[in-house]
Amino acid sequence: MTKFPLSMPHGVKAVKNKEEFPRRYNEIFKGEANAAQCFASAKPHKESAGRCEVYCPFKETPNDWENAPIRFVFALTKSGWKFVGLDNINE
């Protein structure tokens, strides 16, 4: 489900492998955005045939879809869609 290394926002070290992923889970999915809440209603944006992105608002303002700078990036691989990156487009 995740392709490593997982790209992280500017100034944050990438998640190197599947062993590091669970230790950084909260940082990834509950850091600046509440991914579970966001993914329930966000619409994916298809950037190309093999890439899509989900934009989420800050967890402090979960209904502010006009300001949704937290980007979760997914890429199509031979084994299906994989989570490849997290970014804050404001940074």
C-alpha atoms as a PDB file:
ATOM      1  CA  MET A   1       0.000   0.000   0.000  1.00  0.00           C
ATOM      2  CA  THR A   2       3.003   2.302   0.482  1.00  0.00           C
ATOM      3  CA  LYS A   3       6.051   2.716  -1.729  1.00  0.00           C
ATOM      4  CA  PHE A   4       9.281   3.404   0.137  1.00  0.00           C
ATOM      5  CA  PRO A   5      10.993   5.705   0.660  1.00  0.00           C
ATOM      6  CA  LEU A   6       7.850   7.736   1.380  1.00  0.00           C
ATOM      7  CA  SER A   7       8.396  11.373   0.469  1.00  0.00           C
ATOM      8  CA  MET A   8       7.628  13.842   3.266  1.00  0.00           C
ATOM      9  CA  PRO A   9       7.187  17.651   3.425  1.00  0.00           C
ATOM     10  CA  HIS A  10      10.149  20.000   3.046  1.00  0.00           C
ATOM     11  CA  GLY A  11      12.542  19.681   5.955  1.00  0.00           C
ATOM     12  CA  VAL A  12      11.114  16.351   7.174  1.00  0.00           C
ATOM     13  CA  LYS A  13      13.063  13.140   6.671  1.00  0.00           C
ATOM     14  CA  ALA A  14      11.525  10.584   4.315  1.00  0.00           C
ATOM     15  CA  VAL A  15      10.064   7.410   5.777  1.00  0.00           C
ATOM     16  CA  LYS A  16      12.734   4.934   4.714  1.00  0.00           C
ATOM     17  CA  ASN A  17      11.044   1.553   5.070  1.00  0.00           C
ATOM     18  CA  LYS A  18       8.101  -0.465   6.354  1.00  0.00           C
ATOM     19  CA  GLU A  19       9.734  -0.837   9.775  1.00  0.00           C
ATOM     20  CA  GLU A  20       9.851   2.947  10.235  1.00  0.00           C
ATOM     21  CA  PHE A  21       6.306   3.480   8.912  1.00  0.00           C
ATOM     22  CA  PRO A  22       4.360   2.369  12.043  1.00  0.00           C
ATOM     23  CA  ARG A  23       6.558   4.508  14.296  1.00  0.00           C
ATOM     24  CA  ARG A  24       5.730   7.573  12.198  1.00  0.00           C
ATOM     25  CA  TYR A  25       2.081   6.703  11.512  1.00  0.00           C
ATOM     26  CA  ASN A  26       0.644   9.505  13.669  1.00  0.00           C
ATOM     27  CA  GLU A  27       3.008  12.040  12.102  1.00  0.00           C
ATOM     28  CA  ILE A  28       1.846  10.985   8.628  1.00  0.00           C
ATOM     29  CA  PHE A  29      -1.896  10.540   9.110  1.00  0.00           C
ATOM     30  CA  LYS A  30      -2.665  12.671  12.183  1.00  0.00           C
ATOM     31  CA  GLY A  31      -0.056  15.417  11.880  1.00  0.00           C
ATOM     32  CA  GLU A  32      -1.166  18.612  10.131  1.00  0.00           C
ATOM     33  CA  ALA A  33      -4.303  16.970   8.710  1.00  0.00           C
ATOM     34  CA  ASN A  34      -6.670  14.302   9.982  1.00  0.00           C
ATOM     35  CA  ALA A  35      -6.332  11.896   7.064  1.00  0.00           C
ATOM     36  CA  ALA A  36      -9.158   9.563   8.109  1.00  0.00           C
ATOM     37  CA  GLN A  37     -11.654  12.418   8.365  1.00  0.00           C
ATOM     38  CA  CYS A  38     -10.384  13.998   5.155  1.00  0.00           C
ATOM     39  CA  PHE A  39     -10.358  10.813   3.053  1.00  0.00           C
ATOM     40  CA  ALA A  40     -13.994  10.169   3.983  1.00  0.00           C
ATOM     41  CA  SER A  41     -15.128  13.188   1.946  1.00  0.00           C
ATOM     42  CA  ALA A  42     -12.207  14.422  -0.182  1.00  0.00           C
ATOM     43  CA  LYS A  43     -12.220  13.851  -3.915  1.00  0.00           C
ATOM     44  CA  PRO A  44      -9.002  12.592  -5.534  1.00  0.00           C
ATOM     45  CA  HIS A  45      -7.435  14.810  -8.200  1.00  0.00           C
ATOM     46  CA  LYS A  46      -6.015  12.848 -11.120  1.00  0.00           C
ATOM     47  CA  GLU A  47      -2.734  14.508 -12.101  1.00  0.00           C
ATOM     48  CA  SER A  48      -1.842  11.993 -14.831  1.00  0.00           C
ATOM     49  CA  ALA A  49      -2.629   8.423 -15.860  1.00  0.00           C
ATOM     50  CA  GLY A  50      -0.423   7.089 -13.093  1.00  0.00           C
ATOM     51  CA  ARG A  51      -0.724   9.698 -10.355  1.00  0.00           C
ATOM     52  CA  CYS A  52      -3.483  11.095  -8.177  1.00  0.00           C
ATOM     53  CA  GLU A  53      -3.511  13.409  -5.187  1.00  0.00           C
ATOM     54  CA  VAL A  54      -5.857  14.011  -2.272  1.00  0.00           C
ATOM     55  CA  TYR A  55      -5.815  17.494  -0.730  1.00  0.00           C
ATOM     56  CA  CYS A  56      -6.809  17.886   2.912  1.00  0.00           C
ATOM     57  CA  PRO A  57      -7.437  20.916   5.139  1.00  0.00           C
ATOM     58  CA  PHE A  58      -5.592  21.439   8.408  1.00  0.00           C
ATOM     59  CA  LYS A  59      -7.061  19.372  11.247  1.00  0.00           C
ATOM     60  CA  GLU A  60      -7.828  22.578  13.174  1.00  0.00           C
ATOM     61  CA  THR A  61     -10.113  23.701  10.301  1.00  0.00           C
ATOM     62  CA  PRO A  62     -11.500  20.428   8.891  1.00  0.00           C
ATOM     63  CA  ASN A  63     -14.258  22.065   6.843  1.00  0.00           C
ATOM     64  CA  ASP A  64     -12.061  24.670   5.142  1.00  0.00           C
ATOM     65  CA  TRP A  65     -11.838  23.000   1.729  1.00  0.00           C
ATOM     66  CA  GLU A  66     -10.798  26.328   0.139  1.00  0.00           C
ATOM     67  CA  ASN A  67      -7.548  26.039   2.105  1.00  0.00           C
ATOM     68  CA  ALA A  68      -6.547  22.377   1.818  1.00  0.00           C
ATOM     69  CA  PRO A  69      -2.752  22.430   1.475  1.00  0.00           C
ATOM     70  CA  ILE A  70      -1.922  18.976   2.827  1.00  0.00           C
ATOM     71  CA  ARG A  71      -1.345  16.727  -0.181  1.00  0.00           C
ATOM     72  CA  PHE A  72      -1.338  12.933  -0.065  1.00  0.00           C
ATOM     73  CA  VAL A  73       0.186  11.560  -3.284  1.00  0.00           C
ATOM     74  CA  PHE A  74      -0.572   8.158  -4.820  1.00  0.00           C
ATOM     75  CA  ALA A  75       1.073   6.482  -7.816  1.00  0.00           C
ATOM     76  CA  LEU A  76      -0.040   3.561  -9.944  1.00  0.00           C
ATOM     77  CA  THR A  77       2.512   0.735  -9.795  1.00  0.00           C
ATOM     78  CA  LYS A  78       2.566  -2.770 -11.265  1.00  0.00           C
ATOM     79  CA  SER A  79       0.860  -4.027  -8.111  1.00  0.00           C
ATOM     80  CA  GLY A  80      -1.761  -1.255  -7.917  1.00  0.00           C
ATOM     81  CA  TRP A  81      -2.078   2.180  -6.332  1.00  0.00           C
ATOM     82  CA  LYS A  82       0.538   3.015  -3.683  1.00  0.00           C
ATOM     83  CA  PHE A  83       0.937   5.901  -1.253  1.00  0.00           C
ATOM     84  CA  VAL A  84       4.164   7.642  -2.315  1.00  0.00           C
ATOM     85  CA  GLY A  85       4.242  11.034  -0.633  1.00  0.00           C
ATOM     86  CA  LEU A  86       2.939  13.622   1.773  1.00  0.00           C
ATOM     87  CA  ASP A  87       3.436  17.339   1.271  1.00  0.00           C
ATOM     88  CA  ASN A  88       2.294  20.725   2.539  1.00  0.00           C
ATOM     89  CA  ILE A  89       2.041  22.798  -0.636  1.00  0.00           C
ATOM     90  CA  ASN A  90       2.323  26.015   1.403  1.00  0.00           C
ATOM     91  CA  GLU A  91       5.909  25.187   2.384  1.00  0.00           C
END
